[in-house]
Amino acid sequence: MDRIKIPTPEKMQKYPWGVTVVTLIAMVIMLLYTVLRKSDCEECEQRYQSERNKNDILTTALLIKNGIILKQAVEAKEKDSTTYKKLNKSKKIVKEY
């Protein structure tokens, strides 16, 4: 394998414009990468999450106030009890045979 040739200070002194151009290109690429990579700020994300949490809390409070969540809980309990009863009946039938 060939080793990477690192320029010596003498070559850098011989070609100062080349070193300057390469350095500037590297800096521009690095700056573009950092700017494009961080397209969304952390503060914006935190504000978005806090607003979303407020909206979720408000929605839940409104649903509780209107009794919708209570109705859903009762319906879920009824469905669970119906499923439980049917499961017990099927277990009894299986045991009989």
PDB file of N, CA and C in Angstrom:
ATOM      1  N   MET A   1       0.826  -1.175   0.000  1.00  0.00           N
ATOM      2  CA  MET A   1       0.000   0.000   0.000  1.00  0.00           C
ATOM      3  C   MET A   1       0.878   1.249   0.000  1.00  0.00           C
ATOM      4  N   ASP A   2       0.444   2.221  -0.761  1.00  0.00           N
ATOM      5  CA  ASP A   2       1.175   3.484  -0.801  1.00  0.00           C
ATOM      6  C   ASP A   2       0.765   4.342   0.387  1.00  0.00           C
ATOM      7  N   ARG A   3       1.737   5.002   0.913  1.00  0.00           N
ATOM      8  CA  ARG A   3       1.462   5.913   2.026  1.00  0.00           C
ATOM      9  C   ARG A   3       0.941   7.229   1.496  1.00  0.00           C
ATOM     10  N   ILE A   4       0.135   7.872   2.308  1.00  0.00           N
ATOM     11  CA  ILE A   4      -0.361   9.195   1.943  1.00  0.00           C
ATOM     12  C   ILE A   4       0.787  10.184   2.057  1.00  0.00           C
ATOM     13  N   LYS A   5       0.974  10.962   1.016  1.00  0.00           N
ATOM     14  CA  LYS A   5       2.072  11.921   1.015  1.00  0.00           C
ATOM     15  C   LYS A   5       1.610  13.205   1.686  1.00  0.00           C
ATOM     16  N   ILE A   6       2.206  13.496   2.807  1.00  0.00           N
ATOM     17  CA  ILE A   6       1.889  14.725   3.531  1.00  0.00           C
ATOM     18  C   ILE A   6       2.846  15.807   3.038  1.00  0.00           C
ATOM     19  N   PRO A   7       2.307  16.955   2.656  1.00  0.00           N
ATOM     20  CA  PRO A   7       3.195  18.009   2.146  1.00  0.00           C
ATOM     21  C   PRO A   7       4.140  18.523   3.229  1.00  0.00           C
ATOM     22  N   THR A   8       5.341  18.740   2.843  1.00  0.00           N
ATOM     23  CA  THR A   8       6.344  19.261   3.768  1.00  0.00           C
ATOM     24  C   THR A   8       6.256  20.786   3.804  1.00  0.00           C
ATOM     25  N   PRO A   9       6.800  21.396   4.837  1.00  0.00           N
ATOM     26  CA  PRO A   9       6.782  22.870   4.897  1.00  0.00           C
ATOM     27  C   PRO A   9       7.479  23.525   3.700  1.00  0.00           C
ATOM     28  N   GLU A  10       8.502  22.862   3.158  1.00  0.00           N
ATOM     29  CA  GLU A  10       9.189  23.440   1.998  1.00  0.00           C
ATOM     30  C   GLU A  10       8.257  23.508   0.787  1.00  0.00           C
ATOM     31  N   LYS A  11       7.455  22.423   0.582  1.00  0.00           N
ATOM     32  CA  LYS A  11       6.524  22.428  -0.549  1.00  0.00           C
ATOM     33  C   LYS A  11       5.435  23.464  -0.323  1.00  0.00           C
ATOM     34  N   MET A  12       5.015  23.630   0.946  1.00  0.00           N
ATOM     35  CA  MET A  12       3.996  24.630   1.238  1.00  0.00           C
ATOM     36  C   MET A  12       4.529  26.037   0.949  1.00  0.00           C
ATOM     37  N   GLN A  13       5.788  26.257   1.249  1.00  0.00           N
ATOM     38  CA  GLN A  13       6.373  27.570   0.966  1.00  0.00           C
ATOM     39  C   GLN A  13       6.536  27.775  -0.537  1.00  0.00           C
ATOM     40  N   LYS A  14       6.736  26.672  -1.261  1.00  0.00           N
ATOM     41  CA  LYS A  14       6.929  26.774  -2.697  1.00  0.00           C
ATOM     42  C   LYS A  14       5.605  27.074  -3.414  1.00  0.00           C
ATOM     43  N   TYR A  15       4.501  26.528  -2.894  1.00  0.00           N
ATOM     44  CA  TYR A  15       3.181  26.723  -3.510  1.00  0.00           C
ATOM     45  C   TYR A  15       2.191  27.315  -2.501  1.00  0.00           C
ATOM     46  N   PRO A  16       2.355  28.582  -2.118  1.00  0.00           N
ATOM     47  CA  PRO A  16       1.460  29.158  -1.106  1.00  0.00           C
ATOM     48  C   PRO A  16       0.009  29.286  -1.592  1.00  0.00           C
ATOM     49  N   TRP A  17      -0.185  29.564  -2.902  1.00  0.00           N
ATOM     50  CA  TRP A  17      -1.549  29.703  -3.409  1.00  0.00           C
ATOM     51  C   TRP A  17      -2.277  28.357  -3.396  1.00  0.00           C
ATOM     52  N   GLY A  18      -1.569  27.310  -3.675  1.00  0.00           N
ATOM     53  CA  GLY A  18      -2.170  25.980  -3.647  1.00  0.00           C
ATOM     54  C   GLY A  18      -2.629  25.604  -2.248  1.00  0.00           C
ATOM     55  N   VAL A  19      -1.777  25.893  -1.271  1.00  0.00           N
ATOM     56  CA  VAL A  19      -2.131  25.603   0.120  1.00  0.00           C
ATOM     57  C   VAL A  19      -3.329  26.452   0.534  1.00  0.00           C
ATOM     58  N   THR A  20      -3.337  27.718   0.130  1.00  0.00           N
ATOM     59  CA  THR A  20      -4.440  28.604   0.483  1.00  0.00           C
ATOM     60  C   THR A  20      -5.751  28.122  -0.135  1.00  0.00           C
ATOM     61  N   VAL A  21      -5.719  27.737  -1.394  1.00  0.00           N
ATOM     62  CA  VAL A  21      -6.925  27.275  -2.086  1.00  0.00           C
ATOM     63  C   VAL A  21      -7.447  25.990  -1.446  1.00  0.00           C
ATOM     64  N   VAL A  22      -6.566  25.055  -1.181  1.00  0.00           N
ATOM     65  CA  VAL A  22      -6.981  23.793  -0.568  1.00  0.00           C
ATOM     66  C   VAL A  22      -7.563  24.048   0.819  1.00  0.00           C
ATOM     67  N   THR A  23      -6.946  24.934   1.582  1.00  0.00           N
ATOM     68  CA  THR A  23      -7.449  25.265   2.917  1.00  0.00           C
ATOM     69  C   THR A  23      -8.820  25.922   2.828  1.00  0.00           C
ATOM     70  N   LEU A  24      -8.989  26.860   1.913  1.00  0.00           N
ATOM     71  CA  LEU A  24     -10.285  27.525   1.763  1.00  0.00           C
ATOM     72  C   LEU A  24     -11.376  26.547   1.329  1.00  0.00           C
ATOM     73  N   ILE A  25     -11.073  25.672   0.391  1.00  0.00           N
ATOM     74  CA  ILE A  25     -12.056  24.680  -0.053  1.00  0.00           C
ATOM     75  C   ILE A  25     -12.452  23.771   1.116  1.00  0.00           C
ATOM     76  N   ALA A  26     -11.473  23.341   1.895  1.00  0.00           N
ATOM     77  CA  ALA A  26     -11.764  22.481   3.052  1.00  0.00           C
ATOM     78  C   ALA A  26     -12.638  23.209   4.069  1.00  0.00           C
ATOM     79  N   MET A  27     -12.362  24.480   4.295  1.00  0.00           N
ATOM     80  CA  MET A  27     -13.165  25.256   5.247  1.00  0.00           C
ATOM     81  C   MET A  27     -14.597  25.437   4.746  1.00  0.00           C
ATOM     82  N   VAL A  28     -14.763  25.720   3.450  1.00  0.00           N
ATOM     83  CA  VAL A  28     -16.106  25.893   2.884  1.00  0.00           C
ATOM     84  C   VAL A  28     -16.892  24.590   2.989  1.00  0.00           C
ATOM     85  N   ILE A  29     -16.270  23.474   2.675  1.00  0.00           N
ATOM     86  CA  ILE A  29     -16.943  22.178   2.779  1.00  0.00           C
ATOM     87  C   ILE A  29     -17.331  21.903   4.223  1.00  0.00           C
ATOM     88  N   MET A  30     -16.438  22.186   5.152  1.00  0.00           N
ATOM     89  CA  MET A  30     -16.738  21.951   6.563  1.00  0.00           C
ATOM     90  C   MET A  30     -17.900  22.838   7.027  1.00  0.00           C
ATOM     91  N   LEU A  31     -17.897  24.115   6.644  1.00  0.00           N
ATOM     92  CA  LEU A  31     -18.980  25.015   7.035  1.00  0.00           C
ATOM     93  C   LEU A  31     -20.308  24.606   6.418  1.00  0.00           C
ATOM     94  N   LEU A  32     -20.300  24.230   5.142  1.00  0.00           N
ATOM     95  CA  LEU A  32     -21.527  23.771   4.501  1.00  0.00           C
ATOM     96  C   LEU A  32     -22.067  22.516   5.180  1.00  0.00           C
ATOM     97  N   TYR A  33     -21.186  21.622   5.519  1.00  0.00           N
ATOM     98  CA  TYR A  33     -21.611  20.388   6.188  1.00  0.00           C
ATOM     99  C   TYR A  33     -22.257  20.697   7.538  1.00  0.00           C
ATOM    100  N   THR A  34     -21.651  21.574   8.319  1.00  0.00           N
ATOM    101  CA  THR A  34     -22.222  21.888   9.629  1.00  0.00           C
ATOM    102  C   THR A  34     -23.543  22.639   9.503  1.00  0.00           C
ATOM    103  N   VAL A  35     -23.661  23.528   8.510  1.00  0.00           N
ATOM    104  CA  VAL A  35     -24.900  24.281   8.345  1.00  0.00           C
ATOM    105  C   VAL A  35     -26.014  23.380   7.828  1.00  0.00           C
ATOM    106  N   LEU A  36     -25.740  22.568   6.842  1.00  0.00           N
ATOM    107  CA  LEU A  36     -26.767  21.702   6.264  1.00  0.00           C
ATOM    108  C   LEU A  36     -27.149  20.555   7.193  1.00  0.00           C
ATOM    109  N   ARG A  37     -26.214  20.090   7.968  1.00  0.00           N
ATOM    110  CA  ARG A  37     -26.497  18.985   8.877  1.00  0.00           C
ATOM    111  C   ARG A  37     -27.418  19.439   9.994  1.00  0.00           C
ATOM    112  N   LYS A  38     -27.263  20.634  10.466  1.00  0.00           N
ATOM    113  CA  LYS A  38     -28.074  21.144  11.571  1.00  0.00           C
ATOM    114  C   LYS A  38     -29.148  22.059  11.002  1.00  0.00           C
ATOM    115  N   SER A  39     -30.105  21.453  10.296  1.00  0.00           N
ATOM    116  CA  SER A  39     -31.149  22.249   9.665  1.00  0.00           C
ATOM    117  C   SER A  39     -32.226  22.651  10.665  1.00  0.00           C
ATOM    118  N   ASP A  40     -32.435  21.859  11.711  1.00  0.00           N
ATOM    119  CA  ASP A  40     -33.476  22.152  12.683  1.00  0.00           C
ATOM    120  C   ASP A  40     -32.817  22.429  14.025  1.00  0.00           C
ATOM    121  N   CYS A  41     -33.149  23.546  14.617  1.00  0.00           N
ATOM    122  CA  CYS A  41     -32.505  23.923  15.873  1.00  0.00           C
ATOM    123  C   CYS A  41     -33.122  23.154  17.036  1.00  0.00           C
ATOM    124  N   GLU A  42     -32.340  22.957  18.074  1.00  0.00           N
ATOM    125  CA  GLU A  42     -32.796  22.216  19.244  1.00  0.00           C
ATOM    126  C   GLU A  42     -33.875  23.007  19.998  1.00  0.00           C
ATOM    127  N   GLU A  43     -33.712  24.308  20.036  1.00  0.00           N
ATOM    128  CA  GLU A  43     -34.691  25.138  20.730  1.00  0.00           C
ATOM    129  C   GLU A  43     -36.054  25.044  20.044  1.00  0.00           C
ATOM    130  N   CYS A  44     -36.051  25.016  18.710  1.00  0.00           N
ATOM    131  CA  CYS A  44     -37.309  24.895  17.964  1.00  0.00           C
ATOM    132  C   CYS A  44     -37.980  23.566  18.277  1.00  0.00           C
ATOM    133  N   GLU A  45     -37.202  22.520  18.354  1.00  0.00           N
ATOM    134  CA  GLU A  45     -37.740  21.191  18.670  1.00  0.00           C
ATOM    135  C   GLU A  45     -38.344  21.170  20.070  1.00  0.00           C
ATOM    136  N   GLN A  46     -37.673  21.807  21.023  1.00  0.00           N
ATOM    137  CA  GLN A  46     -38.194  21.849  22.388  1.00  0.00           C
ATOM    138  C   GLN A  46     -39.498  22.642  22.449  1.00  0.00           C
ATOM    139  N   ARG A  47     -39.553  23.757  21.734  1.00  0.00           N
ATOM    140  CA  ARG A  47     -40.789  24.541  21.710  1.00  0.00           C
ATOM    141  C   ARG A  47     -41.923  23.755  21.077  1.00  0.00           C
ATOM    142  N   TYR A  48     -41.615  23.042  20.022  1.00  0.00           N
ATOM    143  CA  TYR A  48     -42.635  22.230  19.352  1.00  0.00           C
ATOM    144  C   TYR A  48     -43.168  21.152  20.298  1.00  0.00           C
ATOM    145  N   GLN A  49     -42.266  20.470  21.008  1.00  0.00           N
ATOM    146  CA  GLN A  49     -42.694  19.425  21.936  1.00  0.00           C
ATOM    147  C   GLN A  49     -43.524  20.005  23.078  1.00  0.00           C
ATOM    148  N   SER A  50     -43.138  21.170  23.593  1.00  0.00           N
ATOM    149  CA  SER A  50     -43.902  21.765  24.691  1.00  0.00           C
ATOM    150  C   SER A  50     -45.301  22.166  24.223  1.00  0.00           C
ATOM    151  N   GLU A  51     -45.418  22.735  23.019  1.00  0.00           N
ATOM    152  CA  GLU A  51     -46.730  23.078  22.480  1.00  0.00           C
ATOM    153  C   GLU A  51     -47.581  21.830  22.258  1.00  0.00           C
ATOM    154  N   ARG A  52     -46.942  20.787  21.786  1.00  0.00           N
ATOM    155  CA  ARG A  52     -47.687  19.547  21.550  1.00  0.00           C
ATOM    156  C   ARG A  52     -48.171  18.957  22.860  1.00  0.00           C
ATOM    157  N   ASN A  53     -47.340  19.002  23.904  1.00  0.00           N
ATOM    158  CA  ASN A  53     -47.757  18.497  25.211  1.00  0.00           C
ATOM    159  C   ASN A  53     -48.919  19.307  25.762  1.00  0.00           C
ATOM    160  N   LYS A  54     -48.854  20.643  25.585  1.00  0.00           N
ATOM    161  CA  LYS A  54     -49.965  21.491  26.037  1.00  0.00           C
ATOM    162  C   LYS A  54     -51.252  21.110  25.311  1.00  0.00           C
ATOM    163  N   ASN A  55     -51.163  20.882  24.007  1.00  0.00           N
ATOM    164  CA  ASN A  55     -52.339  20.505  23.230  1.00  0.00           C
ATOM    165  C   ASN A  55     -52.881  19.150  23.670  1.00  0.00           C
ATOM    166  N   ASP A  56     -51.986  18.195  23.969  1.00  0.00           N
ATOM    167  CA  ASP A  56     -52.428  16.885  24.442  1.00  0.00           C
ATOM    168  C   ASP A  56     -53.138  16.999  25.783  1.00  0.00           C
ATOM    169  N   ILE A  57     -52.604  17.826  26.669  1.00  0.00           N
ATOM    170  CA  ILE A  57     -53.223  18.020  27.986  1.00  0.00           C
ATOM    171  C   ILE A  57     -54.586  18.676  27.822  1.00  0.00           C
ATOM    172  N   LEU A  58     -54.666  19.683  26.952  1.00  0.00           N
ATOM    173  CA  LEU A  58     -55.931  20.369  26.712  1.00  0.00           C
ATOM    174  C   LEU A  58     -56.966  19.418  26.106  1.00  0.00           C
ATOM    175  N   THR A  59     -56.550  18.619  25.145  1.00  0.00           N
ATOM    176  CA  THR A  59     -57.467  17.663  24.519  1.00  0.00           C
ATOM    177  C   THR A  59     -57.980  16.658  25.536  1.00  0.00           C
ATOM    178  N   THR A  60     -57.075  16.146  26.370  1.00  0.00           N
ATOM    179  CA  THR A  60     -57.483  15.190  27.398  1.00  0.00           C
ATOM    180  C   THR A  60     -58.453  15.828  28.378  1.00  0.00           C
ATOM    181  N   ALA A  61     -58.192  17.065  28.782  1.00  0.00           N
ATOM    182  CA  ALA A  61     -59.074  17.754  29.718  1.00  0.00           C
ATOM    183  C   ALA A  61     -60.464  17.957  29.117  1.00  0.00           C
ATOM    184  N   LEU A  62     -60.500  18.324  27.834  1.00  0.00           N
ATOM    185  CA  LEU A  62     -61.797  18.513  27.180  1.00  0.00           C
ATOM    186  C   LEU A  62     -62.558  17.192  27.058  1.00  0.00           C
ATOM    187  N   LEU A  63     -61.847  16.118  26.750  1.00  0.00           N
ATOM    188  CA  LEU A  63     -62.508  14.819  26.637  1.00  0.00           C
ATOM    189  C   LEU A  63     -63.043  14.354  27.987  1.00  0.00           C
ATOM    190  N   ILE A  64     -62.291  14.602  29.037  1.00  0.00           N
ATOM    191  CA  ILE A  64     -62.758  14.230  30.386  1.00  0.00           C
ATOM    192  C   ILE A  64     -63.984  15.070  30.746  1.00  0.00           C
ATOM    193  N   LYS A  65     -63.919  16.373  30.446  1.00  0.00           N
ATOM    194  CA  LYS A  65     -65.031  17.265  30.776  1.00  0.00           C
ATOM    195  C   LYS A  65     -66.308  16.831  30.066  1.00  0.00           C
ATOM    196  N   ASN A  66     -66.181  16.441  28.825  1.00  0.00           N
ATOM    197  CA  ASN A  66     -67.354  16.036  28.058  1.00  0.00           C
ATOM    198  C   ASN A  66     -67.779  14.601  28.354  1.00  0.00           C
ATOM    199  N   GLY A  67     -67.013  13.883  29.140  1.00  0.00           N
ATOM    200  CA  GLY A  67     -67.386  12.535  29.529  1.00  0.00           C
ATOM    201  C   GLY A  67     -67.059  11.479  28.501  1.00  0.00           C
ATOM    202  N   ILE A  68     -66.334  11.837  27.473  1.00  0.00           N
ATOM    203  CA  ILE A  68     -66.026  10.879  26.419  1.00  0.00           C
ATOM    204  C   ILE A  68     -65.052   9.819  26.918  1.00  0.00           C
ATOM    205  N   ILE A  69     -64.052  10.238  27.690  1.00  0.00           N
ATOM    206  CA  ILE A  69     -63.077   9.273  28.192  1.00  0.00           C
ATOM    207  C   ILE A  69     -63.755   8.314  29.165  1.00  0.00           C
ATOM    208  N   LEU A  70     -64.656   8.802  29.967  1.00  0.00           N
ATOM    209  CA  LEU A  70     -65.377   7.935  30.895  1.00  0.00           C
ATOM    210  C   LEU A  70     -66.204   6.908  30.123  1.00  0.00           C
ATOM    211  N   LYS A  71     -66.875   7.355  29.056  1.00  0.00           N
ATOM    212  CA  LYS A  71     -67.655   6.433  28.230  1.00  0.00           C
ATOM    213  C   LYS A  71     -66.750   5.377  27.607  1.00  0.00           C
ATOM    214  N   GLN A  72     -65.594   5.799  27.133  1.00  0.00           N
ATOM    215  CA  GLN A  72     -64.663   4.852  26.519  1.00  0.00           C
ATOM    216  C   GLN A  72     -64.183   3.834  27.537  1.00  0.00           C
ATOM    217  N   ALA A  73     -63.935   4.264  28.767  1.00  0.00           N
ATOM    218  CA  ALA A  73     -63.477   3.340  29.802  1.00  0.00           C
ATOM    219  C   ALA A  73     -64.559   2.317  30.122  1.00  0.00           C
ATOM    220  N   VAL A  74     -65.813   2.769  30.205  1.00  0.00           N
ATOM    221  CA  VAL A  74     -66.926   1.854  30.489  1.00  0.00           C
ATOM    222  C   VAL A  74     -67.093   0.859  29.347  1.00  0.00           C
ATOM    223  N   GLU A  75     -67.024   1.345  28.108  1.00  0.00           N
ATOM    224  CA  GLU A  75     -67.156   0.462  26.955  1.00  0.00           C
ATOM    225  C   GLU A  75     -66.028  -0.556  26.911  1.00  0.00           C
ATOM    226  N   ALA A  76     -64.816  -0.133  27.213  1.00  0.00           N
ATOM    227  CA  ALA A  76     -63.682  -1.055  27.222  1.00  0.00           C
ATOM    228  C   ALA A  76     -63.862  -2.114  28.296  1.00  0.00           C
ATOM    229  N   LYS A  77     -64.365  -1.716  29.460  1.00  0.00           N
ATOM    230  CA  LYS A  77     -64.586  -2.668  30.543  1.00  0.00           C
ATOM    231  C   LYS A  77     -65.653  -3.684  30.146  1.00  0.00           C
ATOM    232  N   GLU A  78     -66.717  -3.217  29.489  1.00  0.00           N
ATOM    233  CA  GLU A  78     -67.769  -4.128  29.039  1.00  0.00           C
ATOM    234  C   GLU A  78     -67.234  -5.114  28.005  1.00  0.00           C
ATOM    235  N   LYS A  79     -66.452  -4.628  27.078  1.00  0.00           N
ATOM    236  CA  LYS A  79     -65.881  -5.514  26.061  1.00  0.00           C
ATOM    237  C   LYS A  79     -64.962  -6.541  26.703  1.00  0.00           C
ATOM    238  N   ASP A  80     -64.154  -6.107  27.670  1.00  0.00           N
ATOM    239  CA  ASP A  80     -63.263  -7.035  28.353  1.00  0.00           C
ATOM    240  C   ASP A  80     -64.051  -8.101  29.108  1.00  0.00           C
ATOM    241  N   SER A  81     -65.138  -7.691  29.774  1.00  0.00           N
ATOM    242  CA  SER A  81     -65.915  -8.664  30.532  1.00  0.00           C
ATOM    243  C   SER A  81     -66.622  -9.636  29.586  1.00  0.00           C
ATOM    244  N   THR A  82     -67.089  -9.144  28.445  1.00  0.00           N
ATOM    245  CA  THR A  82     -67.729 -10.019  27.462  1.00  0.00           C
ATOM    246  C   THR A  82     -66.721 -11.026  26.913  1.00  0.00           C
ATOM    247  N   THR A  83     -65.540 -10.560  26.593  1.00  0.00           N
ATOM    248  CA  THR A  83     -64.489 -11.442  26.099  1.00  0.00           C
ATOM    249  C   THR A  83     -64.116 -12.471  27.161  1.00  0.00           C
ATOM    250  N   TYR A  84     -64.032 -12.040  28.414  1.00  0.00           N
ATOM    251  CA  TYR A  84     -63.681 -12.931  29.511  1.00  0.00           C
ATOM    252  C   TYR A  84     -64.749 -14.020  29.679  1.00  0.00           C
ATOM    253  N   LYS A  85     -66.018 -13.628  29.592  1.00  0.00           N
ATOM    254  CA  LYS A  85     -67.106 -14.592  29.733  1.00  0.00           C
ATOM    255  C   LYS A  85     -67.078 -15.610  28.592  1.00  0.00           C
ATOM    256  N   LYS A  86     -66.882 -15.127  27.375  1.00  0.00           N
ATOM    257  CA  LYS A  86     -66.832 -16.039  26.224  1.00  0.00           C
ATOM    258  C   LYS A  86     -65.646 -16.979  26.329  1.00  0.00           C
ATOM    259  N   LEU A  87     -64.524 -16.477  26.817  1.00  0.00           N
ATOM    260  CA  LEU A  87     -63.335 -17.314  26.965  1.00  0.00           C
ATOM    261  C   LEU A  87     -63.582 -18.401  28.004  1.00  0.00           C
ATOM    262  N   ASN A  88     -64.212 -18.048  29.112  1.00  0.00           N
ATOM    263  CA  ASN A  88     -64.516 -19.046  30.139  1.00  0.00           C
ATOM    264  C   ASN A  88     -65.476 -20.099  29.619  1.00  0.00           C
ATOM    265  N   LYS A  89     -66.496 -19.693  28.826  1.00  0.00           N
ATOM    266  CA  LYS A  89     -67.434 -20.651  28.245  1.00  0.00           C
ATOM    267  C   LYS A  89     -66.707 -21.615  27.330  1.00  0.00           C
ATOM    268  N   SER A  90     -65.796 -21.078  26.511  1.00  0.00           N
ATOM    269  CA  SER A  90     -65.071 -21.944  25.581  1.00  0.00           C
ATOM    270  C   SER A  90     -64.136 -22.884  26.331  1.00  0.00           C
ATOM    271  N   LYS A  91     -63.571 -22.445  27.440  1.00  0.00           N
ATOM    272  CA  LYS A  91     -62.714 -23.321  28.241  1.00  0.00           C
ATOM    273  C   LYS A  91     -63.534 -24.456  28.832  1.00  0.00           C
ATOM    274  N   LYS A  92     -64.755 -24.152  29.302  1.00  0.00           N
ATOM    275  CA  LYS A  92     -65.626 -25.174  29.858  1.00  0.00           C
ATOM    276  C   LYS A  92     -66.008 -26.200  28.799  1.00  0.00           C
ATOM    277  N   ILE A  93     -66.309 -25.712  27.609  1.00  0.00           N
ATOM    278  CA  ILE A  93     -66.675 -26.623  26.518  1.00  0.00           C
ATOM    279  C   ILE A  93     -65.512 -27.534  26.169  1.00  0.00           C
ATOM    280  N   VAL A  94     -64.315 -26.980  26.122  1.00  0.00           N
ATOM    281  CA  VAL A  94     -63.130 -27.787  25.789  1.00  0.00           C
ATOM    282  C   VAL A  94     -62.886 -28.814  26.882  1.00  0.00           C
ATOM    283  N   LYS A  95     -63.064 -28.455  28.141  1.00  0.00           N
ATOM    284  CA  LYS A  95     -62.839 -29.389  29.249  1.00  0.00           C
ATOM    285  C   LYS A  95     -63.836 -30.545  29.212  1.00  0.00           C
ATOM    286  N   GLU A  96     -65.065 -30.254  28.771  1.00  0.00           N
ATOM    287  CA  GLU A  96     -66.088 -31.282  28.740  1.00  0.00           C
ATOM    288  C   GLU A  96     -65.754 -32.364  27.730  1.00  0.00           C
ATOM    289  N   TYR A  97     -65.121 -32.008  26.641  1.00  0.00           N
ATOM    290  CA  TYR A  97     -64.825 -33.005  25.632  1.00  0.00           C
ATOM    291  C   TYR A  97     -63.521 -33.630  25.886  1.00  0.00           C
TER     292      TYR A  97
END
